[in-house]
C-alpha atoms as a PDB file:
ATOM      1  CA  MET A   1       2.807   1.847   7.654  1.00  0.00           C
ATOM      2  CA  LEU A   2       4.991   3.286   4.921  1.00  0.00           C
ATOM      3  CA  ALA A   3       8.068   2.899   7.144  1.00  0.00           C
ATOM      4  CA  PHE A   4       7.273  -0.812   7.491  1.00  0.00           C
ATOM      5  CA  TYR A   5       7.399  -1.311   3.722  1.00  0.00           C
ATOM      6  CA  MET A   6      10.508   0.836   3.330  1.00  0.00           C
ATOM      7  CA  ALA A   7      12.396  -1.443   5.723  1.00  0.00           C
ATOM      8  CA  PHE A   8      12.278  -4.177   3.067  1.00  0.00           C
ATOM      9  CA  ILE A   9      13.819  -2.033   0.309  1.00  0.00           C
ATOM     10  CA  ASP A  10      17.593  -1.689   0.235  1.00  0.00           C
ATOM     11  CA  ASP A  11      18.119   0.651  -2.710  1.00  0.00           C
ATOM     12  CA  GLU A  12      17.425   4.349  -2.104  1.00  0.00           C
ATOM     13  CA  ASP A  13      16.128   4.912  -5.657  1.00  0.00           C
ATOM     14  CA  ASP A  14      13.705   2.010  -5.227  1.00  0.00           C
ATOM     15  CA  ARG A  15      12.532   3.475  -1.905  1.00  0.00           C
ATOM     16  CA  GLU A  16      11.775   6.789  -3.562  1.00  0.00           C
ATOM     17  CA  LYS A  17       9.871   5.086  -6.376  1.00  0.00           C
ATOM     18  CA  PHE A  18       7.904   2.951  -3.925  1.00  0.00           C
ATOM     19  CA  GLU A  19       7.010   5.996  -1.828  1.00  0.00           C
ATOM     20  CA  ILE A  20       5.655   7.769  -4.904  1.00  0.00           C
ATOM     21  CA  ILE A  21       3.553   4.745  -5.862  1.00  0.00           C
ATOM     22  CA  TYR A  22       2.343   4.247  -2.284  1.00  0.00           C
ATOM     23  CA  ASN A  23       1.297   7.886  -1.835  1.00  0.00           C
ATOM     24  CA  GLU A  24      -0.335   8.062  -5.255  1.00  0.00           C
ATOM     25  CA  TYR A  25      -2.406   4.861  -5.145  1.00  0.00           C
ATOM     26  CA  ARG A  26      -2.977   3.704  -1.543  1.00  0.00           C
ATOM     27  CA  LYS A  27      -6.232   5.592  -0.926  1.00  0.00           C
ATOM     28  CA  ARG A  28      -7.636   4.597  -4.298  1.00  0.00           C
ATOM     29  CA  MET A  29      -6.685   0.963  -3.683  1.00  0.00           C
ATOM     30  CA  VAL A  30      -8.349   0.925  -0.264  1.00  0.00           C
ATOM     31  CA  SER A  31     -11.477   2.516  -1.717  1.00  0.00           C
ATOM     32  CA  THR A  32     -11.655  -0.050  -4.507  1.00  0.00           C
ATOM     33  CA  ALA A  33     -11.021  -2.948  -2.131  1.00  0.00           C
ATOM     34  CA  TYR A  34     -13.699  -1.611   0.235  1.00  0.00           C
ATOM     35  CA  SER A  35     -16.234  -1.389  -2.585  1.00  0.00           C
ATOM     36  CA  ILE A  36     -15.689  -5.081  -3.233  1.00  0.00           C
ATOM     37  CA  LEU A  37     -15.229  -6.411   0.318  1.00  0.00           C
ATOM     38  CA  ARG A  38     -17.545  -4.028   2.221  1.00  0.00           C
ATOM     39  CA  ASN A  39     -15.291  -4.244   5.271  1.00  0.00           C
ATOM     40  CA  HIS A  40     -12.654  -1.631   6.081  1.00  0.00           C
ATOM     41  CA  GLU A  41     -10.264  -3.997   7.863  1.00  0.00           C
ATOM     42  CA  ASP A  42     -10.425  -6.543   5.044  1.00  0.00           C
ATOM     43  CA  ALA A  43      -9.823  -3.777   2.508  1.00  0.00           C
ATOM     44  CA  GLU A  44      -6.777  -2.561   4.434  1.00  0.00           C
ATOM     45  CA  ASP A  45      -5.482  -6.145   4.652  1.00  0.00           C
ATOM     46  CA  ALA A  46      -5.918  -6.657   0.914  1.00  0.00           C
ATOM     47  CA  VAL A  47      -3.995  -3.487   0.113  1.00  0.00           C
ATOM     48  CA  HIS A  48      -1.291  -4.404   2.624  1.00  0.00           C
ATOM     49  CA  ASP A  49      -0.901  -7.815   0.991  1.00  0.00           C
ATOM     50  CA  THR A  50      -0.665  -6.137  -2.400  1.00  0.00           C
ATOM     51  CA  PHE A  51       2.152  -3.853  -1.308  1.00  0.00           C
ATOM     52  CA  ILE A  52       4.053  -6.719   0.310  1.00  0.00           C
END
């Protein structure tokens, strides 16, 4: 999924920064979203929408 997001970023420095943020926070974001939504697919969708 990371490659999907990277396709929207033109600047190489911004890609590197986004990759760091994505790798650092994605799992934590999904976990938090799941604790609220109690549905894995909905949690993944919420995190996806956040990154977009």
